[in-house]
Amino acid sequence: GQSREHREAYDVVTARAVARMSVLTELCLPLVKIGGTFIAMK
């Protein structure tokens, strides 16, 4: 998530049952483009 190539580079980031929501959000939202979507499956 700190890599220049991948940070804010994705239209959609998904995660399914990886960690609790507060943790997942920190791992996933930095990868999402502005206007994109983080899909959390719980």
Full PDB file with SEQRES, HELIX, SHEET, SSBOND, CRYST1, ORIGX, SCALE, CONECT and MASTER records, all heavy atoms in Angstrom:
SEQRES   1 A   42  GLY GLN SER ARG GLU HIS ARG GLU ALA TYR ASP VAL VAL          
SEQRES   2 A   42  THR ALA ARG ALA VAL ALA ARG MET SER VAL LEU THR GLU          
SEQRES   3 A   42  LEU CYS LEU PRO LEU VAL LYS ILE GLY GLY THR PHE ILE          
SEQRES   4 A   42  ALA MET LYS                                                  
HELIX    1 AA1 MET A   21  CYS A   28  1                                   8    
HELIX    2 AA2 LEU A   29  LEU A   31  5                                   3    
SHEET    1 AA1 2 TYR A  10  ARG A  16  0                                        
SHEET    2 AA1 2 VAL A  32  MET A  41  1                                        
CRYST1    1.000    1.000    1.000  90.00  90.00  90.00 P 1           1          
ORIGX1      1.000000  0.000000  0.000000        0.00000                         
ORIGX2      0.000000  1.000000  0.000000        0.00000                         
ORIGX3      0.000000  0.000000  1.000000        0.00000                         
SCALE1      1.000000  0.000000  0.000000        0.00000                         
SCALE2      0.000000  1.000000  0.000000        0.00000                         
SCALE3      0.000000  0.000000  1.000000        0.00000                         
ATOM      1  N   GLY A   1       0.804  -1.235   0.000  1.00  0.00           N  
ATOM      2  CA  GLY A   1       0.000   0.000   0.000  1.00  0.00           C  
ATOM      3  C   GLY A   1       0.822   1.263   0.000  1.00  0.00           C  
ATOM      4  O   GLY A   1       0.301   2.352  -0.272  1.00  0.00           O  
ATOM      5  N   GLN A   2       2.122   1.148   0.320  1.00  0.00           N  
ATOM      6  CA  GLN A   2       3.015   2.311   0.289  1.00  0.00           C  
ATOM      7  C   GLN A   2       3.794   2.387  -1.022  1.00  0.00           C  
ATOM      8  O   GLN A   2       4.541   3.334  -1.256  1.00  0.00           O  
ATOM      9  CB  GLN A   2       3.993   2.260   1.470  1.00  0.00           C  
ATOM     10  CG  GLN A   2       3.349   2.584   2.822  1.00  0.00           C  
ATOM     11  CD  GLN A   2       2.929   4.041   2.954  1.00  0.00           C  
ATOM     12  OE1 GLN A   2       3.143   4.857   2.057  1.00  0.00           O  
ATOM     13  NE2 GLN A   2       2.311   4.384   4.070  1.00  0.00           N  
ATOM     14  N   SER A   3       3.618   1.395  -1.896  1.00  0.00           N  
ATOM     15  CA  SER A   3       4.342   1.369  -3.168  1.00  0.00           C  
ATOM     16  C   SER A   3       3.755   2.387  -4.145  1.00  0.00           C  
ATOM     17  O   SER A   3       2.537   2.453  -4.326  1.00  0.00           O  
ATOM     18  CB  SER A   3       4.240  -0.053  -3.761  1.00  0.00           C  
ATOM     19  OG  SER A   3       4.251  -0.014  -5.156  1.00  0.00           O  
ATOM     20  N   ARG A   4       4.618   3.167  -4.758  1.00  0.00           N  
ATOM     21  CA  ARG A   4       4.177   4.217  -5.684  1.00  0.00           C  
ATOM     22  C   ARG A   4       3.355   3.637  -6.849  1.00  0.00           C  
ATOM     23  O   ARG A   4       2.396   4.232  -7.302  1.00  0.00           O  
ATOM     24  CB  ARG A   4       5.402   4.969  -6.216  1.00  0.00           C  
ATOM     25  CG  ARG A   4       5.038   6.257  -6.935  1.00  0.00           C  
ATOM     26  CD  ARG A   4       6.272   7.034  -7.345  1.00  0.00           C  
ATOM     27  NE  ARG A   4       7.046   7.485  -6.187  1.00  0.00           N  
ATOM     28  CZ  ARG A   4       8.240   8.059  -6.271  1.00  0.00           C  
ATOM     29  NH1 ARG A   4       8.810   8.224  -7.457  1.00  0.00           N  
ATOM     30  NH2 ARG A   4       8.879   8.460  -5.207  1.00  0.00           N  
ATOM     31  N   GLU A   5       3.774   2.455  -7.307  1.00  0.00           N  
ATOM     32  CA  GLU A   5       3.106   1.827  -8.460  1.00  0.00           C  
ATOM     33  C   GLU A   5       1.660   1.440  -8.145  1.00  0.00           C  
ATOM     34  O   GLU A   5       0.784   1.499  -9.006  1.00  0.00           O  
ATOM     35  CB  GLU A   5       3.876   0.573  -8.884  1.00  0.00           C  
ATOM     36  CG  GLU A   5       3.287  -0.112 -10.111  1.00  0.00           C  
ATOM     37  CD  GLU A   5       3.893  -1.486 -10.367  1.00  0.00           C  
ATOM     38  OE1 GLU A   5       4.913  -1.850  -9.742  1.00  0.00           O  
ATOM     39  OE2 GLU A   5       3.319  -2.194 -11.209  1.00  0.00           O  
ATOM     40  N   HIS A   6       1.395   1.056  -6.913  1.00  0.00           N  
ATOM     41  CA  HIS A   6       0.082   0.491  -6.572  1.00  0.00           C  
ATOM     42  C   HIS A   6      -0.816   1.439  -5.785  1.00  0.00           C  
ATOM     43  O   HIS A   6      -2.037   1.270  -5.797  1.00  0.00           O  
ATOM     44  CB  HIS A   6       0.268  -0.813  -5.793  1.00  0.00           C  
ATOM     45  CG  HIS A   6       1.008  -1.845  -6.582  1.00  0.00           C  
ATOM     46  ND1 HIS A   6       0.450  -2.501  -7.660  1.00  0.00           N  
ATOM     47  CD2 HIS A   6       2.285  -2.302  -6.486  1.00  0.00           C  
ATOM     48  CE1 HIS A   6       1.336  -3.328  -8.180  1.00  0.00           C  
ATOM     49  NE2 HIS A   6       2.457  -3.228  -7.495  1.00  0.00           N  
ATOM     50  N   ARG A   7      -0.227   2.419  -5.134  1.00  0.00           N  
ATOM     51  CA  ARG A   7      -1.028   3.316  -4.299  1.00  0.00           C  
ATOM     52  C   ARG A   7      -2.013   4.111  -5.154  1.00  0.00           C  
ATOM     53  O   ARG A   7      -1.654   4.705  -6.156  1.00  0.00           O  
ATOM     54  CB  ARG A   7      -0.101   4.239  -3.520  1.00  0.00           C  
ATOM     55  CG  ARG A   7      -0.815   4.996  -2.419  1.00  0.00           C  
ATOM     56  CD  ARG A   7       0.169   5.807  -1.597  1.00  0.00           C  
ATOM     57  NE  ARG A   7      -0.526   6.540  -0.549  1.00  0.00           N  
ATOM     58  CZ  ARG A   7      -0.827   6.056   0.644  1.00  0.00           C  
ATOM     59  NH1 ARG A   7      -0.487   4.826   0.954  1.00  0.00           N  
ATOM     60  NH2 ARG A   7      -1.470   6.789   1.538  1.00  0.00           N  
ATOM     61  N   GLU A   8      -3.272   4.077  -4.753  1.00  0.00           N  
ATOM     62  CA  GLU A   8      -4.352   4.791  -5.455  1.00  0.00           C  
ATOM     63  C   GLU A   8      -4.354   4.485  -6.951  1.00  0.00           C  
ATOM     64  O   GLU A   8      -4.571   5.362  -7.776  1.00  0.00           O  
ATOM     65  CB  GLU A   8      -4.299   6.287  -5.134  1.00  0.00           C  
ATOM     66  CG  GLU A   8      -4.575   6.485  -3.638  1.00  0.00           C  
ATOM     67  CD  GLU A   8      -4.681   7.906  -3.141  1.00  0.00           C  
ATOM     68  OE1 GLU A   8      -4.041   8.786  -3.725  1.00  0.00           O  
ATOM     69  OE2 GLU A   8      -5.404   8.116  -2.143  1.00  0.00           O  
ATOM     70  N   ALA A   9      -4.138   3.202  -7.285  1.00  0.00           N  
ATOM     71  CA  ALA A   9      -4.033   2.780  -8.688  1.00  0.00           C  
ATOM     72  C   ALA A   9      -5.201   1.908  -9.150  1.00  0.00           C  
ATOM     73  O   ALA A   9      -5.285   1.564 -10.322  1.00  0.00           O  
ATOM     74  CB  ALA A   9      -2.731   2.008  -8.886  1.00  0.00           C  
ATOM     75  N   TYR A  10      -6.103   1.557  -8.231  1.00  0.00           N  
ATOM     76  CA  TYR A  10      -7.135   0.562  -8.564  1.00  0.00           C  
ATOM     77  C   TYR A  10      -8.551   1.142  -8.518  1.00  0.00           C  
ATOM     78  O   TYR A  10      -8.883   1.930  -7.638  1.00  0.00           O  
ATOM     79  CB  TYR A  10      -7.034  -0.631  -7.615  1.00  0.00           C  
ATOM     80  CG  TYR A  10      -5.716  -1.363  -7.799  1.00  0.00           C  
ATOM     81  CD1 TYR A  10      -4.614  -1.054  -7.001  1.00  0.00           C  
ATOM     82  CD2 TYR A  10      -5.560  -2.309  -8.800  1.00  0.00           C  
ATOM     83  CE1 TYR A  10      -3.391  -1.686  -7.188  1.00  0.00           C  
ATOM     84  CE2 TYR A  10      -4.339  -2.949  -8.998  1.00  0.00           C  
ATOM     85  CZ  TYR A  10      -3.264  -2.632  -8.196  1.00  0.00           C  
ATOM     86  OH  TYR A  10      -2.051  -3.257  -8.390  1.00  0.00           O  
ATOM     87  N   ASP A  11      -9.361   0.696  -9.489  1.00  0.00           N  
ATOM     88  CA  ASP A  11     -10.775   1.101  -9.526  1.00  0.00           C  
ATOM     89  C   ASP A  11     -11.541   0.446  -8.384  1.00  0.00           C  
ATOM     90  O   ASP A  11     -12.458   1.038  -7.809  1.00  0.00           O  
ATOM     91  CB  ASP A  11     -11.428   0.672 -10.856  1.00  0.00           C  
ATOM     92  CG  ASP A  11     -10.705   1.262 -12.057  1.00  0.00           C  
ATOM     93  OD1 ASP A  11     -10.730   2.500 -12.198  1.00  0.00           O  
ATOM     94  OD2 ASP A  11     -10.101   0.501 -12.843  1.00  0.00           O  
ATOM     95  N   VAL A  12     -11.169  -0.800  -8.099  1.00  0.00           N  
ATOM     96  CA  VAL A  12     -11.841  -1.580  -7.058  1.00  0.00           C  
ATOM     97  C   VAL A  12     -10.796  -2.345  -6.251  1.00  0.00           C  
ATOM     98  O   VAL A  12      -9.864  -2.903  -6.817  1.00  0.00           O  
ATOM     99  CB  VAL A  12     -12.834  -2.598  -7.682  1.00  0.00           C  
ATOM    100  CG1 VAL A  12     -13.415  -3.528  -6.616  1.00  0.00           C  
ATOM    101  CG2 VAL A  12     -13.957  -1.889  -8.422  1.00  0.00           C  
ATOM    102  N   VAL A  13     -10.957  -2.345  -4.938  1.00  0.00           N  
ATOM    103  CA  VAL A  13     -10.145  -3.206  -4.082  1.00  0.00           C  
ATOM    104  C   VAL A  13     -11.109  -4.077  -3.283  1.00  0.00           C  
ATOM    105  O   VAL A  13     -12.086  -3.583  -2.716  1.00  0.00           O  
ATOM    106  CB  VAL A  13      -9.236  -2.388  -3.135  1.00  0.00           C  
ATOM    107  CG1 VAL A  13      -8.470  -3.311  -2.190  1.00  0.00           C  
ATOM    108  CG2 VAL A  13      -8.247  -1.558  -3.953  1.00  0.00           C  
ATOM    109  N   THR A  14     -10.845  -5.389  -3.287  1.00  0.00           N  
ATOM    110  CA  THR A  14     -11.713  -6.324  -2.571  1.00  0.00           C  
ATOM    111  C   THR A  14     -10.940  -7.001  -1.447  1.00  0.00           C  
ATOM    112  O   THR A  14      -9.722  -7.148  -1.509  1.00  0.00           O  
ATOM    113  CB  THR A  14     -12.244  -7.437  -3.504  1.00  0.00           C  
ATOM    114  OG1 THR A  14     -11.135  -8.152  -4.056  1.00  0.00           O  
ATOM    115  CG2 THR A  14     -13.086  -6.877  -4.631  1.00  0.00           C  
ATOM    116  N   ALA A  15     -11.680  -7.432  -0.446  1.00  0.00           N  
ATOM    117  CA  ALA A  15     -11.112  -8.265   0.619  1.00  0.00           C  
ATOM    118  C   ALA A  15     -12.254  -9.054   1.230  1.00  0.00           C  
ATOM    119  O   ALA A  15     -13.356  -8.533   1.419  1.00  0.00           O  
ATOM    120  CB  ALA A  15     -10.430  -7.406   1.678  1.00  0.00           C  
ATOM    121  N   ARG A  16     -11.980 -10.315   1.494  1.00  0.00           N  
ATOM    122  CA  ARG A  16     -13.016 -11.202   2.035  1.00  0.00           C  
ATOM    123  C   ARG A  16     -12.482 -11.869   3.298  1.00  0.00           C  
ATOM    124  O   ARG A  16     -11.558 -12.657   3.245  1.00  0.00           O  
ATOM    125  CB  ARG A  16     -13.372 -12.240   0.971  1.00  0.00           C  
ATOM    126  CG  ARG A  16     -14.355 -13.325   1.377  1.00  0.00           C  
ATOM    127  CD  ARG A  16     -14.591 -14.230   0.163  1.00  0.00           C  
ATOM    128  NE  ARG A  16     -15.387 -15.390   0.461  1.00  0.00           N  
ATOM    129  CZ  ARG A  16     -14.892 -16.610   0.628  1.00  0.00           C  
ATOM    130  NH1 ARG A  16     -13.585 -16.823   0.536  1.00  0.00           N  
ATOM    131  NH2 ARG A  16     -15.683 -17.618   0.878  1.00  0.00           N  
ATOM    132  N   ALA A  17     -13.066 -11.497   4.427  1.00  0.00           N  
ATOM    133  CA  ALA A  17     -12.761 -12.150   5.715  1.00  0.00           C  
ATOM    134  C   ALA A  17     -11.270 -12.190   6.050  1.00  0.00           C  
ATOM    135  O   ALA A  17     -10.774 -13.159   6.592  1.00  0.00           O  
ATOM    136  CB  ALA A  17     -13.325 -13.569   5.699  1.00  0.00           C  
ATOM    137  N   VAL A  18     -10.540 -11.124   5.707  1.00  0.00           N  
ATOM    138  CA  VAL A  18      -9.089 -11.096   5.970  1.00  0.00           C  
ATOM    139  C   VAL A  18      -8.800 -10.615   7.392  1.00  0.00           C  
ATOM    140  O   VAL A  18      -7.984 -11.190   8.100  1.00  0.00           O  
ATOM    141  CB  VAL A  18      -8.361 -10.182   4.939  1.00  0.00           C  
ATOM    142  CG1 VAL A  18      -6.891 -10.034   5.287  1.00  0.00           C  
ATOM    143  CG2 VAL A  18      -8.526 -10.737   3.535  1.00  0.00           C  
ATOM    144  N   ALA A  19      -9.455  -9.539   7.802  1.00  0.00           N  
ATOM    145  CA  ALA A  19      -9.234  -8.950   9.127  1.00  0.00           C  
ATOM    146  C   ALA A  19     -10.473  -8.121   9.468  1.00  0.00           C  
ATOM    147  O   ALA A  19     -11.351  -7.936   8.629  1.00  0.00           O  
ATOM    148  CB  ALA A  19      -7.997  -8.039   9.095  1.00  0.00           C  
ATOM    149  N   ARG A  20     -10.513  -7.611  10.691  1.00  0.00           N  
ATOM    150  CA  ARG A  20     -11.684  -6.799  11.030  1.00  0.00           C  
ATOM    151  C   ARG A  20     -11.671  -5.493  10.245  1.00  0.00           C  
ATOM    152  O   ARG A  20     -10.645  -5.054   9.737  1.00  0.00           O  
ATOM    153  CB  ARG A  20     -11.802  -6.588  12.528  1.00  0.00           C  
ATOM    154  CG  ARG A  20     -10.677  -5.882  13.223  1.00  0.00           C  
ATOM    155  CD  ARG A  20     -10.882  -6.051  14.732  1.00  0.00           C  
ATOM    156  NE  ARG A  20      -9.921  -5.295  15.513  1.00  0.00           N  
ATOM    157  CZ  ARG A  20      -8.697  -5.746  15.802  1.00  0.00           C  
ATOM    158  NH1 ARG A  20      -8.282  -6.902  15.335  1.00  0.00           N  
ATOM    159  NH2 ARG A  20      -7.880  -5.022  16.549  1.00  0.00           N  
ATOM    160  N   MET A  21     -12.828  -4.867  10.173  1.00  0.00           N  
ATOM    161  CA  MET A  21     -13.064  -3.760   9.242  1.00  0.00           C  
ATOM    162  C   MET A  21     -12.084  -2.590   9.414  1.00  0.00           C  
ATOM    163  O   MET A  21     -11.603  -2.035   8.435  1.00  0.00           O  
ATOM    164  CB  MET A  21     -14.505  -3.283   9.437  1.00  0.00           C  
ATOM    165  CG  MET A  21     -15.042  -2.444   8.328  1.00  0.00           C  
ATOM    166  SD  MET A  21     -15.203  -3.362   6.795  1.00  0.00           S  
ATOM    167  CE  MET A  21     -15.296  -1.996   5.671  1.00  0.00           C  
ATOM    168  N   SER A  22     -11.777  -2.239  10.645  1.00  0.00           N  
ATOM    169  CA  SER A  22     -10.871  -1.100  10.873  1.00  0.00           C  
ATOM    170  C   SER A  22      -9.483  -1.391  10.295  1.00  0.00           C  
ATOM    171  O   SER A  22      -8.828  -0.515   9.730  1.00  0.00           O  
ATOM    172  CB  SER A  22     -10.773  -0.783  12.369  1.00  0.00           C  
ATOM    173  OG  SER A  22     -10.479  -1.962  13.093  1.00  0.00           O  
ATOM    174  N   VAL A  23      -9.040  -2.639  10.424  1.00  0.00           N  
ATOM    175  CA  VAL A  23      -7.730  -3.046   9.907  1.00  0.00           C  
ATOM    176  C   VAL A  23      -7.771  -3.123   8.379  1.00  0.00           C  
ATOM    177  O   VAL A  23      -6.885  -2.604   7.678  1.00  0.00           O  
ATOM    178  CB  VAL A  23      -7.295  -4.404  10.511  1.00  0.00           C  
ATOM    179  CG1 VAL A  23      -5.957  -4.854   9.940  1.00  0.00           C  
ATOM    180  CG2 VAL A  23      -7.239  -4.318  12.035  1.00  0.00           C  
ATOM    181  N   LEU A  24      -8.811  -3.770   7.864  1.00  0.00           N  
ATOM    182  CA  LEU A  24      -8.970  -3.909   6.405  1.00  0.00           C  
ATOM    183  C   LEU A  24      -8.969  -2.563   5.705  1.00  0.00           C  
ATOM    184  O   LEU A  24      -8.388  -2.399   4.637  1.00  0.00           O  
ATOM    185  CB  LEU A  24     -10.315  -4.578   6.089  1.00  0.00           C  
ATOM    186  CG  LEU A  24     -10.352  -6.077   5.875  1.00  0.00           C  
ATOM    187  CD1 LEU A  24     -11.690  -6.444   5.258  1.00  0.00           C  
ATOM    188  CD2 LEU A  24      -9.225  -6.543   4.978  1.00  0.00           C  
ATOM    189  N   THR A  25      -9.655  -1.608   6.304  1.00  0.00           N  
ATOM    190  CA  THR A  25      -9.770  -0.277   5.711  1.00  0.00           C  
ATOM    191  C   THR A  25      -8.384   0.357   5.542  1.00  0.00           C  
ATOM    192  O   THR A  25      -8.080   0.936   4.502  1.00  0.00           O  
ATOM    193  CB  THR A  25     -10.673   0.623   6.584  1.00  0.00           C  
ATOM    194  OG1 THR A  25     -11.974   0.030   6.632  1.00  0.00           O  
ATOM    195  CG2 THR A  25     -10.784   2.026   6.031  1.00  0.00           C  
ATOM    196  N   GLU A  26      -7.550   0.218   6.559  1.00  0.00           N  
ATOM    197  CA  GLU A  26      -6.193   0.784   6.479  1.00  0.00           C  
ATOM    198  C   GLU A  26      -5.365   0.097   5.395  1.00  0.00           C  
ATOM    199  O   GLU A  26      -4.534   0.723   4.738  1.00  0.00           O  
ATOM    200  CB  GLU A  26      -5.485   0.682   7.836  1.00  0.00           C  
ATOM    201  CG  GLU A  26      -4.094   1.267   7.799  1.00  0.00           C  
ATOM    202  CD  GLU A  26      -3.428   1.392   9.163  1.00  0.00           C  
ATOM    203  OE1 GLU A  26      -4.100   1.157  10.207  1.00  0.00           O  
ATOM    204  OE2 GLU A  26      -2.225   1.720   9.197  1.00  0.00           O  
ATOM    205  N   LEU A  27      -5.586  -1.205   5.194  1.00  0.00           N  
ATOM    206  CA  LEU A  27      -4.827  -1.947   4.186  1.00  0.00           C  
ATOM    207  C   LEU A  27      -5.342  -1.700   2.774  1.00  0.00           C  
ATOM    208  O   LEU A  27      -4.564  -1.725   1.810  1.00  0.00           O  
ATOM    209  CB  LEU A  27      -4.887  -3.452   4.491  1.00  0.00           C  
ATOM    210  CG  LEU A  27      -4.353  -3.908   5.849  1.00  0.00           C  
ATOM    211  CD1 LEU A  27      -4.508  -5.421   5.996  1.00  0.00           C  
ATOM    212  CD2 LEU A  27      -2.898  -3.501   6.039  1.00  0.00           C  
ATOM    213  N   CYS A  28      -6.647  -1.473   2.649  1.00  0.00           N  
ATOM    214  CA  CYS A  28      -7.268  -1.442   1.313  1.00  0.00           C  
ATOM    215  C   CYS A  28      -7.508  -0.048   0.736  1.00  0.00           C  
ATOM    216  O   CYS A  28      -7.251   0.182  -0.453  1.00  0.00           O  
ATOM    217  CB  CYS A  28      -8.593  -2.206   1.339  1.00  0.00           C  
ATOM    218  SG  CYS A  28      -8.403  -3.974   1.650  1.00  0.00           S  
ATOM    219  N   LEU A  29      -8.015   0.873   1.547  1.00  0.00           N  
ATOM    220  CA  LEU A  29      -8.392   2.183   0.977  1.00  0.00           C  
ATOM    221  C   LEU A  29      -7.223   2.944   0.344  1.00  0.00           C  
ATOM    222  O   LEU A  29      -7.420   3.621  -0.671  1.00  0.00           O  
ATOM    223  CB  LEU A  29      -9.090   3.054   2.022  1.00  0.00           C  
ATOM    224  CG  LEU A  29     -10.622   3.054   1.982  1.00  0.00           C  
ATOM    225  CD1 LEU A  29     -11.188   3.976   3.057  1.00  0.00           C  
ATOM    226  CD2 LEU A  29     -11.173   3.467   0.626  1.00  0.00           C  
ATOM    227  N   PRO A  30      -5.986   2.865   0.857  1.00  0.00           N  
ATOM    228  CA  PRO A  30      -4.884   3.568   0.186  1.00  0.00           C  
ATOM    229  C   PRO A  30      -4.631   3.081  -1.246  1.00  0.00           C  
ATOM    230  O   PRO A  30      -4.019   3.789  -2.045  1.00  0.00           O  
ATOM    231  CB  PRO A  30      -3.679   3.289   1.086  1.00  0.00           C  
ATOM    232  CG  PRO A  30      -4.269   3.063   2.440  1.00  0.00           C  
ATOM    233  CD  PRO A  30      -5.545   2.328   2.167  1.00  0.00           C  
ATOM    234  N   LEU A  31      -5.111   1.903  -1.586  1.00  0.00           N  
ATOM    235  CA  LEU A  31      -4.906   1.348  -2.936  1.00  0.00           C  
ATOM    236  C   LEU A  31      -5.971   1.808  -3.932  1.00  0.00           C  
ATOM    237  O   LEU A  31      -5.801   1.671  -5.137  1.00  0.00           O  
ATOM    238  CB  LEU A  31      -4.924  -0.189  -2.876  1.00  0.00           C  
ATOM    239  CG  LEU A  31      -3.835  -0.843  -2.031  1.00  0.00           C  
ATOM    240  CD1 LEU A  31      -4.155  -2.314  -1.797  1.00  0.00           C  
ATOM    241  CD2 LEU A  31      -2.470  -0.704  -2.716  1.00  0.00           C  
ATOM    242  N   VAL A  32      -7.079   2.338  -3.416  1.00  0.00           N  
ATOM    243  CA  VAL A  32      -8.229   2.698  -4.265  1.00  0.00           C  
ATOM    244  C   VAL A  32      -8.043   4.088  -4.855  1.00  0.00           C  
ATOM    245  O   VAL A  32      -7.675   5.027  -4.156  1.00  0.00           O  
ATOM    246  CB  VAL A  32      -9.549   2.654  -3.453  1.00  0.00           C  
ATOM    247  CG1 VAL A  32     -10.760   2.947  -4.347  1.00  0.00           C  
ATOM    248  CG2 VAL A  32      -9.723   1.315  -2.754  1.00  0.00           C  
ATOM    249  N   LYS A  33      -8.316   4.198  -6.168  1.00  0.00           N  
ATOM    250  CA  LYS A  33      -8.311   5.512  -6.828  1.00  0.00           C  
ATOM    251  C   LYS A  33      -9.403   6.388  -6.228  1.00  0.00           C  
ATOM    252  O   LYS A  33     -10.445   5.878  -5.793  1.00  0.00           O  
ATOM    253  CB  LYS A  33      -8.693   5.354  -8.313  1.00  0.00           C  
ATOM    254  CG  LYS A  33      -7.661   4.782  -9.217  1.00  0.00           C  
ATOM    255  CD  LYS A  33      -8.275   4.671 -10.625  1.00  0.00           C  
ATOM    256  CE  LYS A  33      -7.273   4.062 -11.595  1.00  0.00           C  
ATOM    257  NZ  LYS A  33      -7.896   3.814 -12.910  1.00  0.00           N  
ATOM    258  N   ILE A  34      -9.214   7.703  -6.290  1.00  0.00           N  
ATOM    259  CA  ILE A  34     -10.302   8.601  -5.899  1.00  0.00           C  
ATOM    260  C   ILE A  34     -11.456   8.369  -6.877  1.00  0.00           C  
ATOM    261  O   ILE A  34     -11.261   8.328  -8.092  1.00  0.00           O  
ATOM    262  CB  ILE A  34      -9.836  10.067  -5.877  1.00  0.00           C  
ATOM    263  CG1 ILE A  34      -8.829  10.251  -4.742  1.00  0.00           C  
ATOM    264  CG2 ILE A  34     -11.026  11.019  -5.704  1.00  0.00           C  
ATOM    265  CD1 ILE A  34      -8.167  11.587  -4.661  1.00  0.00           C  
ATOM    266  N   GLY A  35     -12.635   8.157  -6.334  1.00  0.00           N  
ATOM    267  CA  GLY A  35     -13.792   7.818  -7.169  1.00  0.00           C  
ATOM    268  C   GLY A  35     -14.009   6.325  -7.302  1.00  0.00           C  
ATOM    269  O   GLY A  35     -15.030   5.873  -7.810  1.00  0.00           O  
ATOM    270  N   GLY A  36     -13.019   5.539  -6.831  1.00  0.00           N  
ATOM    271  CA  GLY A  36     -13.118   4.082  -6.892  1.00  0.00           C  
ATOM    272  C   GLY A  36     -13.832   3.516  -5.675  1.00  0.00           C  
ATOM    273  O   GLY A  36     -14.345   4.258  -4.816  1.00  0.00           O  
ATOM    274  N   THR A  37     -13.863   2.178  -5.590  1.00  0.00           N  
ATOM    275  CA  THR A  37     -14.660   1.501  -4.569  1.00  0.00           C  
ATOM    276  C   THR A  37     -13.868   0.426  -3.837  1.00  0.00           C  
ATOM    277  O   THR A  37     -13.184  -0.380  -4.463  1.00  0.00           O  
ATOM    278  CB  THR A  37     -15.904   0.838  -5.218  1.00  0.00           C  
ATOM    279  OG1 THR A  37     -16.627   1.815  -5.973  1.00  0.00           O  
ATOM    280  CG2 THR A  37     -16.831   0.233  -4.166  1.00  0.00           C  
ATOM    281  N   PHE A  38     -13.987   0.429  -2.527  1.00  0.00           N  
ATOM    282  CA  PHE A  38     -13.483  -0.656  -1.686  1.00  0.00           C  
ATOM    283  C   PHE A  38     -14.682  -1.537  -1.350  1.00  0.00           C  
ATOM    284  O   PHE A  38     -15.681  -1.059  -0.810  1.00  0.00           O  
ATOM    285  CB  PHE A  38     -12.838  -0.068  -0.429  1.00  0.00           C  
ATOM    286  CG  PHE A  38     -12.601  -1.032   0.703  1.00  0.00           C  
ATOM    287  CD1 PHE A  38     -12.217  -2.347   0.479  1.00  0.00           C  
ATOM    288  CD2 PHE A  38     -12.745  -0.605   2.021  1.00  0.00           C  
ATOM    289  CE1 PHE A  38     -11.999  -3.224   1.532  1.00  0.00           C  
ATOM    290  CE2 PHE A  38     -12.525  -1.464   3.090  1.00  0.00           C  
ATOM    291  CZ  PHE A  38     -12.156  -2.780   2.841  1.00  0.00           C  
ATOM    292  N   ILE A  39     -14.598  -2.824  -1.733  1.00  0.00           N  
ATOM    293  CA  ILE A  39     -15.690  -3.760  -1.468  1.00  0.00           C  
ATOM    294  C   ILE A  39     -15.250  -4.694  -0.349  1.00  0.00           C  
ATOM    295  O   ILE A  39     -14.353  -5.519  -0.533  1.00  0.00           O  
ATOM    296  CB  ILE A  39     -16.063  -4.579  -2.718  1.00  0.00           C  
ATOM    297  CG1 ILE A  39     -16.471  -3.647  -3.873  1.00  0.00           C  
ATOM    298  CG2 ILE A  39     -17.186  -5.576  -2.402  1.00  0.00           C  
ATOM    299  CD1 ILE A  39     -16.773  -4.374  -5.180  1.00  0.00           C  
ATOM    300  N   ALA A  40     -15.874  -4.539   0.817  1.00  0.00           N  
ATOM    301  CA  ALA A  40     -15.552  -5.395   1.967  1.00  0.00           C  
ATOM    302  C   ALA A  40     -16.631  -6.456   2.095  1.00  0.00           C  
ATOM    303  O   ALA A  40     -17.824  -6.136   2.155  1.00  0.00           O  
ATOM    304  CB  ALA A  40     -15.475  -4.553   3.235  1.00  0.00           C  
ATOM    305  N   MET A  41     -16.204  -7.720   2.118  1.00  0.00           N  
ATOM    306  CA  MET A  41     -17.136  -8.840   2.218  1.00  0.00           C  
ATOM    307  C   MET A  41     -17.012  -9.433   3.611  1.00  0.00           C  
ATOM    308  O   MET A  41     -15.952  -9.898   4.014  1.00  0.00           O  
ATOM    309  CB  MET A  41     -16.812  -9.875   1.140  1.00  0.00           C  
ATOM    310  CG  MET A  41     -16.817  -9.271  -0.264  1.00  0.00           C  
ATOM    311  SD  MET A  41     -16.442 -10.472  -1.564  1.00  0.00           S  
ATOM    312  CE  MET A  41     -17.965 -11.428  -1.594  1.00  0.00           C  
ATOM    313  N   LYS A  42     -18.129  -9.417   4.330  1.00  0.00           N  
ATOM    314  CA  LYS A  42     -18.101  -9.777   5.749  1.00  0.00           C  
ATOM    315  C   LYS A  42     -19.198 -10.787   6.101  1.00  0.00           C  
ATOM    316  O   LYS A  42     -20.190 -10.916   5.395  1.00  0.00           O  
ATOM    317  CB  LYS A  42     -18.311  -8.507   6.582  1.00  0.00           C  
ATOM    318  CG  LYS A  42     -17.094  -7.600   6.576  1.00  0.00           C  
ATOM    319  CD  LYS A  42     -16.081  -8.142   7.519  1.00  0.00           C  
ATOM    320  CE  LYS A  42     -14.737  -7.511   7.469  1.00  0.00           C  
ATOM    321  NZ  LYS A  42     -13.773  -8.280   8.250  1.00  0.00           N  
TER     322      LYS A  42                                                      
MASTER        0    0    0    2    2    0    0    6  321    1    0    4          
END                                                                             
